[in-house]
N, C-alpha and C. Protein backbone atom coordinates (compact mmCIF):
# COMPACT_ATOMS: atom_id res chain seq x y z
N MET A 1 8.74 -43.45 -35.77
CA MET A 1 8.74 -42.06 -35.42
C MET A 1 7.32 -41.54 -35.26
N VAL A 2 6.45 -41.90 -36.21
CA VAL A 2 5.05 -41.46 -36.14
C VAL A 2 4.38 -42.07 -34.91
N ALA A 3 4.69 -43.32 -34.63
CA ALA A 3 4.11 -43.98 -33.46
C ALA A 3 4.56 -43.27 -32.18
N PHE A 4 5.81 -42.87 -32.13
CA PHE A 4 6.33 -42.17 -30.95
C PHE A 4 5.61 -40.83 -30.77
N ALA A 5 5.40 -40.08 -31.86
CA ALA A 5 4.71 -38.80 -31.80
C ALA A 5 3.27 -38.99 -31.34
N ALA A 6 2.61 -40.06 -31.83
CA ALA A 6 1.23 -40.32 -31.45
C ALA A 6 1.14 -40.66 -29.97
N VAL A 7 2.07 -41.46 -29.46
CA VAL A 7 2.08 -41.81 -28.04
C VAL A 7 2.36 -40.57 -27.20
N ALA A 8 3.29 -39.73 -27.63
CA ALA A 8 3.62 -38.51 -26.89
C ALA A 8 2.41 -37.58 -26.87
N TRP A 9 1.73 -37.43 -28.02
CA TRP A 9 0.55 -36.56 -28.08
C TRP A 9 -0.54 -37.08 -27.15
N LEU A 10 -0.78 -38.40 -27.17
CA LEU A 10 -1.80 -39.01 -26.34
C LEU A 10 -1.48 -38.81 -24.86
N ALA A 11 -0.23 -39.03 -24.48
CA ALA A 11 0.17 -38.85 -23.08
C ALA A 11 0.03 -37.39 -22.67
N LEU A 12 0.46 -36.48 -23.54
CA LEU A 12 0.38 -35.06 -23.24
C LEU A 12 -1.07 -34.60 -23.14
N SER A 13 -1.93 -35.05 -24.03
CA SER A 13 -3.32 -34.63 -24.00
C SER A 13 -4.04 -35.15 -22.76
N ARG A 14 -3.61 -36.29 -22.24
CA ARG A 14 -4.22 -36.80 -21.01
C ARG A 14 -3.65 -36.08 -19.79
N TRP A 15 -2.40 -35.67 -19.85
CA TRP A 15 -1.75 -35.04 -18.70
C TRP A 15 -2.22 -33.61 -18.49
N ILE A 16 -2.40 -32.85 -19.57
CA ILE A 16 -2.76 -31.44 -19.45
C ILE A 16 -4.10 -31.26 -18.75
N PRO A 17 -5.18 -31.99 -19.12
CA PRO A 17 -6.42 -31.80 -18.38
C PRO A 17 -6.29 -32.16 -16.91
N LEU A 18 -5.47 -33.17 -16.59
CA LEU A 18 -5.28 -33.50 -15.19
C LEU A 18 -4.62 -32.36 -14.45
N ALA A 19 -3.64 -31.72 -15.07
CA ALA A 19 -2.95 -30.60 -14.43
C ALA A 19 -3.90 -29.43 -14.22
N GLU A 20 -4.85 -29.21 -15.16
CA GLU A 20 -5.79 -28.11 -15.01
C GLU A 20 -6.80 -28.38 -13.91
N ASN A 21 -7.08 -29.63 -13.63
CA ASN A 21 -8.07 -29.97 -12.61
C ASN A 21 -7.51 -30.04 -11.20
N VAL A 22 -6.21 -29.94 -11.06
CA VAL A 22 -5.61 -29.98 -9.73
C VAL A 22 -5.98 -28.69 -9.00
N ALA A 23 -6.45 -28.82 -7.80
CA ALA A 23 -6.85 -27.65 -7.02
C ALA A 23 -5.62 -26.81 -6.69
N PRO A 24 -5.74 -25.48 -6.78
CA PRO A 24 -4.59 -24.64 -6.42
C PRO A 24 -4.28 -24.79 -4.95
N GLU A 25 -3.03 -24.55 -4.63
CA GLU A 25 -2.60 -24.65 -3.24
C GLU A 25 -3.37 -23.64 -2.40
N ASN A 26 -3.86 -24.07 -1.26
CA ASN A 26 -4.60 -23.16 -0.39
C ASN A 26 -3.66 -22.11 0.16
N PRO A 27 -4.04 -20.84 0.05
CA PRO A 27 -3.16 -19.81 0.60
C PRO A 27 -3.10 -19.93 2.12
N SER A 28 -1.93 -19.69 2.65
CA SER A 28 -1.79 -19.76 4.10
C SER A 28 -2.40 -18.51 4.71
N PRO A 29 -3.06 -18.66 5.85
CA PRO A 29 -3.67 -17.49 6.48
C PRO A 29 -2.60 -16.52 6.97
N ILE A 30 -2.97 -15.27 7.04
CA ILE A 30 -2.04 -14.24 7.50
C ILE A 30 -1.94 -14.31 9.01
N ALA A 31 -0.71 -14.26 9.52
CA ALA A 31 -0.48 -14.23 10.97
C ALA A 31 -0.50 -12.77 11.40
N TRP A 32 -1.63 -12.30 11.91
CA TRP A 32 -1.78 -10.90 12.29
C TRP A 32 -0.99 -10.63 13.56
N GLN A 33 -0.19 -9.59 13.55
CA GLN A 33 0.66 -9.26 14.69
C GLN A 33 -0.11 -8.55 15.80
N HIS A 34 -1.07 -7.71 15.44
CA HIS A 34 -1.82 -6.95 16.44
C HIS A 34 -3.32 -7.12 16.23
N GLY A 35 -3.73 -8.32 15.87
CA GLY A 35 -5.14 -8.60 15.66
C GLY A 35 -5.55 -8.41 14.21
N ALA A 36 -6.55 -9.15 13.81
CA ALA A 36 -7.06 -9.09 12.44
C ALA A 36 -7.70 -7.74 12.17
N PRO A 37 -7.69 -7.30 10.91
CA PRO A 37 -8.31 -6.01 10.60
C PRO A 37 -9.82 -6.06 10.78
N THR A 38 -10.40 -4.90 11.03
CA THR A 38 -11.85 -4.83 11.15
C THR A 38 -12.50 -4.81 9.78
N ASP A 39 -11.76 -4.35 8.74
CA ASP A 39 -12.26 -4.32 7.37
C ASP A 39 -11.18 -4.80 6.42
N THR A 40 -11.56 -5.61 5.43
CA THR A 40 -10.67 -5.99 4.34
C THR A 40 -11.39 -5.65 3.05
N LEU A 41 -10.79 -4.75 2.27
CA LEU A 41 -11.39 -4.30 1.03
C LEU A 41 -10.68 -4.95 -0.15
N THR A 42 -11.43 -5.33 -1.19
CA THR A 42 -10.83 -5.96 -2.36
C THR A 42 -11.26 -5.30 -3.67
N ASP A 43 -11.86 -4.12 -3.60
CA ASP A 43 -12.25 -3.39 -4.81
C ASP A 43 -10.97 -2.84 -5.45
N SER A 44 -10.48 -3.52 -6.48
CA SER A 44 -9.17 -3.20 -7.05
C SER A 44 -9.09 -1.78 -7.59
N GLU A 45 -10.14 -1.30 -8.22
CA GLU A 45 -10.11 0.06 -8.76
C GLU A 45 -10.04 1.10 -7.65
N GLU A 46 -10.82 0.91 -6.61
CA GLU A 46 -10.83 1.85 -5.48
C GLU A 46 -9.48 1.85 -4.77
N ILE A 47 -8.91 0.68 -4.55
CA ILE A 47 -7.60 0.59 -3.88
C ILE A 47 -6.54 1.26 -4.74
N PHE A 48 -6.56 1.01 -6.04
CA PHE A 48 -5.61 1.64 -6.97
C PHE A 48 -5.74 3.16 -6.90
N ASN A 49 -6.96 3.68 -6.99
CA ASN A 49 -7.19 5.13 -6.97
C ASN A 49 -6.67 5.76 -5.69
N ARG A 50 -6.93 5.14 -4.56
CA ARG A 50 -6.49 5.69 -3.28
C ARG A 50 -4.97 5.57 -3.11
N ALA A 51 -4.40 4.51 -3.67
CA ALA A 51 -2.97 4.29 -3.53
C ALA A 51 -2.15 5.27 -4.36
N PHE A 52 -2.56 5.50 -5.60
CA PHE A 52 -1.74 6.29 -6.53
C PHE A 52 -2.32 7.65 -6.86
N TRP A 53 -3.44 8.03 -6.23
CA TRP A 53 -4.06 9.33 -6.41
C TRP A 53 -4.37 9.61 -7.87
N ARG A 54 -4.76 8.59 -8.58
CA ARG A 54 -5.15 8.73 -9.98
C ARG A 54 -6.03 7.55 -10.36
N ARG A 55 -6.74 7.68 -11.44
CA ARG A 55 -7.63 6.62 -11.91
C ARG A 55 -6.85 5.55 -12.65
N LEU A 56 -7.39 4.36 -12.64
CA LEU A 56 -6.82 3.23 -13.36
C LEU A 56 -6.90 3.51 -14.85
N GLY A 57 -5.77 3.41 -15.55
CA GLY A 57 -5.74 3.66 -16.99
C GLY A 57 -6.30 2.49 -17.78
N ASN A 58 -6.64 2.72 -19.04
CA ASN A 58 -7.20 1.67 -19.90
C ASN A 58 -6.21 0.52 -20.10
N GLU A 59 -4.92 0.82 -20.08
CA GLU A 59 -3.90 -0.21 -20.32
C GLU A 59 -3.38 -0.84 -19.03
N ASP A 60 -3.83 -0.36 -17.88
CA ASP A 60 -3.41 -0.93 -16.60
C ASP A 60 -4.38 -2.03 -16.19
N HIS A 61 -3.83 -3.11 -15.66
CA HIS A 61 -4.67 -4.23 -15.22
C HIS A 61 -4.24 -4.64 -13.82
N VAL A 62 -5.15 -4.51 -12.85
CA VAL A 62 -4.85 -4.92 -11.48
C VAL A 62 -5.06 -6.42 -11.38
N GLN A 63 -3.98 -7.14 -11.06
CA GLN A 63 -4.06 -8.59 -10.90
C GLN A 63 -4.60 -8.95 -9.52
N HIS A 64 -4.12 -8.24 -8.50
CA HIS A 64 -4.56 -8.48 -7.12
C HIS A 64 -4.57 -7.14 -6.38
N ALA A 65 -5.50 -7.00 -5.44
CA ALA A 65 -5.57 -5.80 -4.62
C ALA A 65 -6.23 -6.15 -3.29
N GLU A 66 -5.69 -5.61 -2.23
CA GLU A 66 -6.28 -5.83 -0.91
C GLU A 66 -5.89 -4.68 0.00
N ARG A 67 -6.84 -4.19 0.77
CA ARG A 67 -6.60 -3.13 1.74
C ARG A 67 -7.15 -3.59 3.08
N HIS A 68 -6.32 -3.48 4.11
CA HIS A 68 -6.72 -3.84 5.47
C HIS A 68 -6.86 -2.56 6.28
N GLU A 69 -7.92 -2.49 7.07
CA GLU A 69 -8.15 -1.32 7.93
C GLU A 69 -8.51 -1.78 9.33
N TRP A 70 -7.92 -1.13 10.31
CA TRP A 70 -8.21 -1.38 11.71
C TRP A 70 -8.90 -0.13 12.25
N ARG A 71 -10.12 -0.30 12.78
CA ARG A 71 -10.92 0.82 13.28
C ARG A 71 -11.31 0.58 14.72
N ASP A 72 -11.52 1.68 15.43
CA ASP A 72 -12.10 1.62 16.75
C ASP A 72 -13.27 2.60 16.78
N ALA A 73 -13.84 2.86 17.94
CA ALA A 73 -15.00 3.73 18.04
C ALA A 73 -14.70 5.14 17.55
N ALA A 74 -13.44 5.58 17.67
CA ALA A 74 -13.07 6.94 17.27
C ALA A 74 -12.74 7.03 15.78
N GLY A 75 -12.60 5.91 15.08
CA GLY A 75 -12.31 5.95 13.66
C GLY A 75 -11.15 5.07 13.25
N LEU A 76 -10.51 5.42 12.15
CA LEU A 76 -9.43 4.63 11.57
C LEU A 76 -8.17 4.73 12.43
N GLU A 77 -7.65 3.57 12.84
CA GLU A 77 -6.43 3.52 13.65
C GLU A 77 -5.19 3.25 12.80
N ARG A 78 -5.32 2.29 11.86
CA ARG A 78 -4.18 1.94 11.00
C ARG A 78 -4.70 1.28 9.74
N TRP A 79 -3.88 1.29 8.67
CA TRP A 79 -4.26 0.73 7.39
C TRP A 79 -3.03 0.20 6.67
N GLN A 80 -3.25 -0.67 5.70
CA GLN A 80 -2.20 -1.14 4.80
C GLN A 80 -2.86 -1.67 3.54
N TRP A 81 -2.16 -1.53 2.41
CA TRP A 81 -2.70 -2.05 1.16
C TRP A 81 -1.59 -2.73 0.37
N PHE A 82 -2.03 -3.61 -0.53
CA PHE A 82 -1.13 -4.38 -1.39
C PHE A 82 -1.73 -4.42 -2.78
N LEU A 83 -0.89 -4.23 -3.80
CA LEU A 83 -1.33 -4.27 -5.19
C LEU A 83 -0.32 -5.03 -6.04
N VAL A 84 -0.82 -5.77 -7.03
CA VAL A 84 0.00 -6.31 -8.10
C VAL A 84 -0.68 -5.84 -9.38
N VAL A 85 0.07 -5.11 -10.22
CA VAL A 85 -0.49 -4.47 -11.40
C VAL A 85 0.34 -4.80 -12.62
N SER A 86 -0.34 -5.13 -13.72
CA SER A 86 0.31 -5.15 -15.04
C SER A 86 0.21 -3.70 -15.51
N ALA A 87 1.31 -2.98 -15.37
CA ALA A 87 1.31 -1.54 -15.54
C ALA A 87 1.54 -1.11 -16.98
N SER A 88 0.86 -0.06 -17.38
CA SER A 88 1.07 0.54 -18.70
C SER A 88 2.37 1.35 -18.67
N PRO A 89 2.91 1.66 -19.86
CA PRO A 89 4.10 2.54 -19.89
C PRO A 89 3.84 3.89 -19.22
N ASP A 90 2.60 4.42 -19.34
CA ASP A 90 2.28 5.70 -18.69
C ASP A 90 2.36 5.60 -17.17
N LEU A 91 1.84 4.51 -16.61
CA LEU A 91 1.88 4.33 -15.15
C LEU A 91 3.32 4.15 -14.67
N ILE A 92 4.11 3.39 -15.40
CA ILE A 92 5.51 3.19 -15.02
C ILE A 92 6.26 4.52 -15.07
N LYS A 93 5.99 5.31 -16.11
CA LYS A 93 6.64 6.62 -16.22
C LYS A 93 6.24 7.50 -15.04
N TYR A 94 4.95 7.53 -14.71
CA TYR A 94 4.44 8.35 -13.61
C TYR A 94 5.06 7.95 -12.28
N LEU A 95 5.09 6.65 -12.00
CA LEU A 95 5.57 6.19 -10.69
C LEU A 95 7.08 6.10 -10.58
N ARG A 96 7.75 5.58 -11.61
CA ARG A 96 9.19 5.36 -11.52
C ARG A 96 10.00 6.51 -12.10
N ASP A 97 9.72 6.87 -13.35
CA ASP A 97 10.55 7.88 -14.02
C ASP A 97 10.27 9.29 -13.51
N ASP A 98 8.98 9.67 -13.41
CA ASP A 98 8.64 10.99 -12.87
C ASP A 98 8.74 11.01 -11.35
N ASN A 99 8.75 9.83 -10.74
CA ASN A 99 8.85 9.66 -9.29
C ASN A 99 7.82 10.53 -8.56
N ALA A 100 6.56 10.29 -8.87
CA ALA A 100 5.45 11.08 -8.36
C ALA A 100 5.40 11.17 -6.84
N PHE A 101 5.94 10.20 -6.13
CA PHE A 101 5.85 10.19 -4.68
C PHE A 101 7.19 10.48 -4.00
N GLY A 102 8.20 10.89 -4.77
CA GLY A 102 9.50 11.26 -4.18
C GLY A 102 10.18 10.10 -3.48
N LEU A 103 10.14 8.92 -4.07
CA LEU A 103 10.73 7.73 -3.46
C LEU A 103 12.22 7.66 -3.79
N VAL A 104 12.96 6.87 -3.01
CA VAL A 104 14.39 6.70 -3.23
C VAL A 104 14.67 5.24 -3.56
N HIS A 105 15.74 5.01 -4.30
CA HIS A 105 16.12 3.64 -4.64
C HIS A 105 16.55 2.91 -3.37
N ALA A 106 16.15 1.66 -3.27
CA ALA A 106 16.49 0.84 -2.11
C ALA A 106 17.14 -0.44 -2.62
N SER A 107 17.98 -1.01 -1.78
CA SER A 107 18.69 -2.23 -2.18
C SER A 107 17.82 -3.47 -2.05
N SER A 108 16.77 -3.40 -1.22
CA SER A 108 15.93 -4.58 -1.05
C SER A 108 14.49 -4.17 -0.77
N ALA A 109 13.59 -5.09 -1.03
CA ALA A 109 12.17 -4.88 -0.76
C ALA A 109 11.90 -5.22 0.71
N PRO A 110 10.91 -4.59 1.30
CA PRO A 110 10.60 -4.89 2.70
C PRO A 110 9.96 -6.26 2.85
N LEU A 111 10.18 -6.87 3.97
CA LEU A 111 9.48 -8.11 4.31
C LEU A 111 8.27 -7.71 5.13
N VAL A 112 7.10 -7.95 4.57
CA VAL A 112 5.86 -7.58 5.25
C VAL A 112 5.20 -8.86 5.72
N SER A 113 5.16 -9.05 7.02
CA SER A 113 4.63 -10.31 7.55
C SER A 113 3.12 -10.44 7.37
N GLU A 114 2.42 -9.33 7.25
CA GLU A 114 0.97 -9.38 7.13
C GLU A 114 0.49 -9.25 5.68
N ALA A 115 1.35 -9.63 4.74
CA ALA A 115 1.01 -9.55 3.32
C ALA A 115 0.18 -10.76 2.90
N PRO A 116 -0.71 -10.59 1.92
CA PRO A 116 -1.47 -11.72 1.39
C PRO A 116 -0.53 -12.73 0.72
N SER A 117 -0.98 -13.95 0.56
CA SER A 117 -0.13 -15.00 -0.01
C SER A 117 0.26 -14.71 -1.46
N TRP A 118 -0.53 -13.95 -2.20
CA TRP A 118 -0.21 -13.63 -3.60
C TRP A 118 0.83 -12.52 -3.71
N PHE A 119 1.20 -11.91 -2.61
CA PHE A 119 2.19 -10.82 -2.63
C PHE A 119 3.58 -11.40 -2.35
N ARG A 120 4.01 -12.30 -3.25
CA ARG A 120 5.32 -12.95 -3.13
C ARG A 120 6.06 -12.80 -4.45
N PHE A 121 7.35 -12.53 -4.38
CA PHE A 121 8.16 -12.35 -5.57
C PHE A 121 9.63 -12.54 -5.20
N LYS A 122 10.46 -12.70 -6.21
CA LYS A 122 11.90 -12.82 -6.00
C LYS A 122 12.49 -11.41 -5.99
N PRO A 123 12.97 -10.92 -4.86
CA PRO A 123 13.46 -9.54 -4.77
C PRO A 123 14.55 -9.20 -5.78
N GLU A 124 15.38 -10.17 -6.14
CA GLU A 124 16.47 -9.89 -7.09
C GLU A 124 15.97 -9.60 -8.50
N ASP A 125 14.70 -9.91 -8.78
CA ASP A 125 14.12 -9.66 -10.10
C ASP A 125 13.43 -8.30 -10.20
N PHE A 126 13.56 -7.48 -9.16
CA PHE A 126 12.84 -6.21 -9.11
C PHE A 126 13.74 -5.04 -8.74
N THR A 127 13.38 -3.87 -9.25
CA THR A 127 13.99 -2.61 -8.84
C THR A 127 13.06 -2.02 -7.79
N VAL A 128 13.62 -1.57 -6.68
CA VAL A 128 12.80 -1.13 -5.54
C VAL A 128 12.93 0.37 -5.31
N LEU A 129 11.80 1.03 -5.14
CA LEU A 129 11.74 2.43 -4.72
C LEU A 129 10.94 2.47 -3.43
N ARG A 130 11.47 3.18 -2.42
CA ARG A 130 10.80 3.27 -1.12
C ARG A 130 10.74 4.70 -0.64
N ALA A 131 9.78 4.96 0.21
CA ALA A 131 9.71 6.25 0.89
C ALA A 131 10.75 6.23 2.00
N SER A 132 11.47 7.32 2.16
CA SER A 132 12.52 7.34 3.17
C SER A 132 11.98 7.38 4.59
N HIS A 133 10.81 7.99 4.81
CA HIS A 133 10.26 8.09 6.17
C HIS A 133 8.82 7.64 6.26
N ALA A 134 8.41 6.74 5.37
CA ALA A 134 7.03 6.25 5.39
C ALA A 134 7.01 4.81 4.88
N GLY A 135 5.82 4.26 4.69
CA GLY A 135 5.70 2.85 4.35
C GLY A 135 5.58 2.50 2.88
N MET A 136 5.46 3.50 1.99
CA MET A 136 5.24 3.18 0.58
C MET A 136 6.47 2.51 -0.02
N CYS A 137 6.22 1.45 -0.78
CA CYS A 137 7.29 0.74 -1.48
C CYS A 137 6.74 0.22 -2.81
N LEU A 138 7.48 0.54 -3.89
CA LEU A 138 7.10 0.09 -5.22
C LEU A 138 8.20 -0.80 -5.76
N MET A 139 7.84 -1.98 -6.27
CA MET A 139 8.80 -2.93 -6.82
C MET A 139 8.47 -3.14 -8.29
N PHE A 140 9.38 -2.72 -9.18
CA PHE A 140 9.20 -2.82 -10.62
C PHE A 140 9.97 -4.02 -11.15
N SER A 141 9.30 -4.90 -11.88
CA SER A 141 9.95 -6.06 -12.47
C SER A 141 11.01 -5.61 -13.46
N LYS A 142 12.15 -6.30 -13.45
CA LYS A 142 13.23 -6.01 -14.40
C LYS A 142 12.96 -6.64 -15.76
N SER A 143 12.02 -7.58 -15.85
CA SER A 143 11.81 -8.31 -17.09
C SER A 143 10.50 -7.99 -17.81
N ASP A 144 9.51 -7.45 -17.11
CA ASP A 144 8.24 -7.12 -17.75
C ASP A 144 7.62 -5.90 -17.07
N ASN A 145 6.34 -5.69 -17.25
CA ASN A 145 5.68 -4.50 -16.71
C ASN A 145 4.94 -4.75 -15.40
N THR A 146 5.31 -5.79 -14.66
CA THR A 146 4.64 -6.10 -13.40
C THR A 146 5.14 -5.18 -12.30
N LEU A 147 4.19 -4.65 -11.54
CA LEU A 147 4.47 -3.75 -10.43
C LEU A 147 3.85 -4.34 -9.17
N TYR A 148 4.67 -4.50 -8.14
CA TYR A 148 4.18 -4.85 -6.81
C TYR A 148 4.27 -3.57 -5.99
N ALA A 149 3.22 -3.26 -5.23
CA ALA A 149 3.21 -2.02 -4.47
C ALA A 149 2.55 -2.25 -3.12
N THR A 150 3.06 -1.57 -2.11
CA THR A 150 2.46 -1.66 -0.77
C THR A 150 2.69 -0.35 -0.03
N ASP A 151 1.84 -0.10 0.93
CA ASP A 151 2.00 1.05 1.81
C ASP A 151 1.22 0.75 3.08
N SER A 152 1.58 1.44 4.13
CA SER A 152 0.87 1.29 5.40
C SER A 152 1.01 2.58 6.17
N GLY A 153 0.13 2.76 7.12
CA GLY A 153 0.22 3.98 7.93
C GLY A 153 -0.78 3.95 9.06
N ARG A 154 -0.74 5.01 9.81
CA ARG A 154 -1.63 5.19 10.94
C ARG A 154 -2.90 5.88 10.47
N GLY A 155 -3.90 5.85 11.28
CA GLY A 155 -5.12 6.56 10.96
C GLY A 155 -4.94 8.03 11.28
N PHE A 156 -6.01 8.71 11.48
CA PHE A 156 -5.93 10.11 11.81
C PHE A 156 -5.57 10.27 13.27
N THR A 157 -4.63 11.15 13.56
CA THR A 157 -4.21 11.40 14.94
C THR A 157 -5.33 12.12 15.67
N LYS A 158 -5.66 11.60 16.81
CA LYS A 158 -6.72 12.21 17.60
C LYS A 158 -6.18 13.48 18.26
N GLY A 159 -6.99 14.52 18.30
CA GLY A 159 -6.58 15.78 18.90
C GLY A 159 -6.62 15.71 20.42
N ALA A 160 -6.10 16.73 21.05
CA ALA A 160 -6.12 16.82 22.52
C ALA A 160 -7.57 17.02 22.97
N PRO A 161 -7.92 16.48 24.13
CA PRO A 161 -9.29 16.67 24.61
C PRO A 161 -9.54 18.15 24.91
N GLU A 162 -10.80 18.55 24.74
CA GLU A 162 -11.14 19.94 25.01
C GLU A 162 -11.07 20.22 26.50
N SER A 163 -10.67 21.45 26.82
CA SER A 163 -10.57 21.87 28.21
C SER A 163 -11.97 21.97 28.80
N SER A 164 -12.09 21.62 30.08
CA SER A 164 -13.40 21.68 30.73
C SER A 164 -13.76 23.10 31.14
N SER A 165 -12.76 23.97 31.33
CA SER A 165 -13.05 25.36 31.69
C SER A 165 -12.48 26.28 30.62
N PRO A 166 -13.15 27.38 30.36
CA PRO A 166 -12.64 28.30 29.34
C PRO A 166 -11.33 28.95 29.78
N THR A 167 -10.51 29.30 28.82
CA THR A 167 -9.24 29.95 29.11
C THR A 167 -9.52 31.38 29.56
N GLN A 168 -8.85 31.78 30.62
CA GLN A 168 -9.07 33.13 31.15
C GLN A 168 -7.79 33.95 30.99
N GLY A 169 -7.97 35.26 30.85
CA GLY A 169 -6.84 36.16 30.72
C GLY A 169 -6.22 36.44 32.10
N ALA A 170 -5.21 37.28 32.11
CA ALA A 170 -4.53 37.65 33.36
C ALA A 170 -5.51 38.39 34.27
N GLN A 171 -5.58 38.00 35.50
CA GLN A 171 -6.51 38.61 36.44
C GLN A 171 -5.81 39.60 37.35
N THR A 172 -4.60 39.34 37.70
CA THR A 172 -3.87 40.25 38.57
C THR A 172 -2.63 40.72 37.84
N PRO A 173 -2.19 41.95 38.16
CA PRO A 173 -0.98 42.42 37.50
C PRO A 173 0.18 41.51 37.87
N GLY A 174 0.97 41.24 36.89
CA GLY A 174 2.13 40.40 37.11
C GLY A 174 3.28 40.99 36.34
N ARG A 175 3.99 40.19 35.72
CA ARG A 175 5.15 40.65 34.97
C ARG A 175 4.76 41.41 33.71
N ILE A 176 3.65 41.00 33.10
CA ILE A 176 3.19 41.67 31.88
C ILE A 176 2.11 42.68 32.29
N PRO A 177 2.27 43.97 31.90
CA PRO A 177 1.27 44.98 32.30
C PRO A 177 -0.07 44.73 31.62
N THR A 178 -1.13 45.13 32.27
CA THR A 178 -2.47 44.97 31.73
C THR A 178 -2.92 46.18 30.92
N SER A 179 -2.13 47.27 30.91
CA SER A 179 -2.48 48.47 30.15
C SER A 179 -1.44 48.71 29.06
N PRO A 180 -1.82 49.46 28.02
CA PRO A 180 -0.87 49.72 26.94
C PRO A 180 0.23 50.68 27.42
N PRO A 181 1.37 50.71 26.72
CA PRO A 181 2.46 51.60 27.13
C PRO A 181 2.06 53.07 26.92
N PRO A 182 2.70 53.98 27.63
CA PRO A 182 2.35 55.40 27.47
C PRO A 182 2.78 55.90 26.09
N LYS A 183 2.06 56.91 25.60
CA LYS A 183 2.39 57.50 24.31
C LYS A 183 3.26 58.72 24.54
N GLN A 184 4.25 58.89 23.69
CA GLN A 184 5.11 60.07 23.78
C GLN A 184 4.42 61.24 23.10
N LYS A 185 4.58 62.45 23.70
CA LYS A 185 4.00 63.65 23.13
C LYS A 185 5.03 64.26 22.18
N PRO A 186 4.60 64.78 21.03
CA PRO A 186 5.56 65.39 20.10
C PRO A 186 6.13 66.68 20.51
């Protein structure tokens, strides 16, 4: 029995360092549908702050964060972000229980083709809240405090071009009179 335990320990001690030295699987590149983003941001605190309109709490830990932005000469055209967070009870209460963004329960999580390789999970293990008319989606783990979150949108809508000539008032009498109505005498 002791010999068996010694052999098992020796085999296990040799196997564990080998497993730690195996290179992680290379993430597959993202297949961009409309071209690669002009900017990719990975500042987890900044992405968290912009995503949830609040600062990262002491008990919150961002595991992964990425924001993609597509810009042209006129500015931001489109954006998307992805987060995986070990969320504190306060953050879960704010996002799920208080429903800070007015999300609705959804039966499934969205399939985002342009998501990073680390943004993968089993949908059946998560409760999903989504925006009814926008891209925000929050997936809360049913077994722990892990939160997967994503959103996407357009940039700022460009205004109409300015007119080349100034707007002029009525020049000739038409249907609308150019003088005020007469005043009645008392």
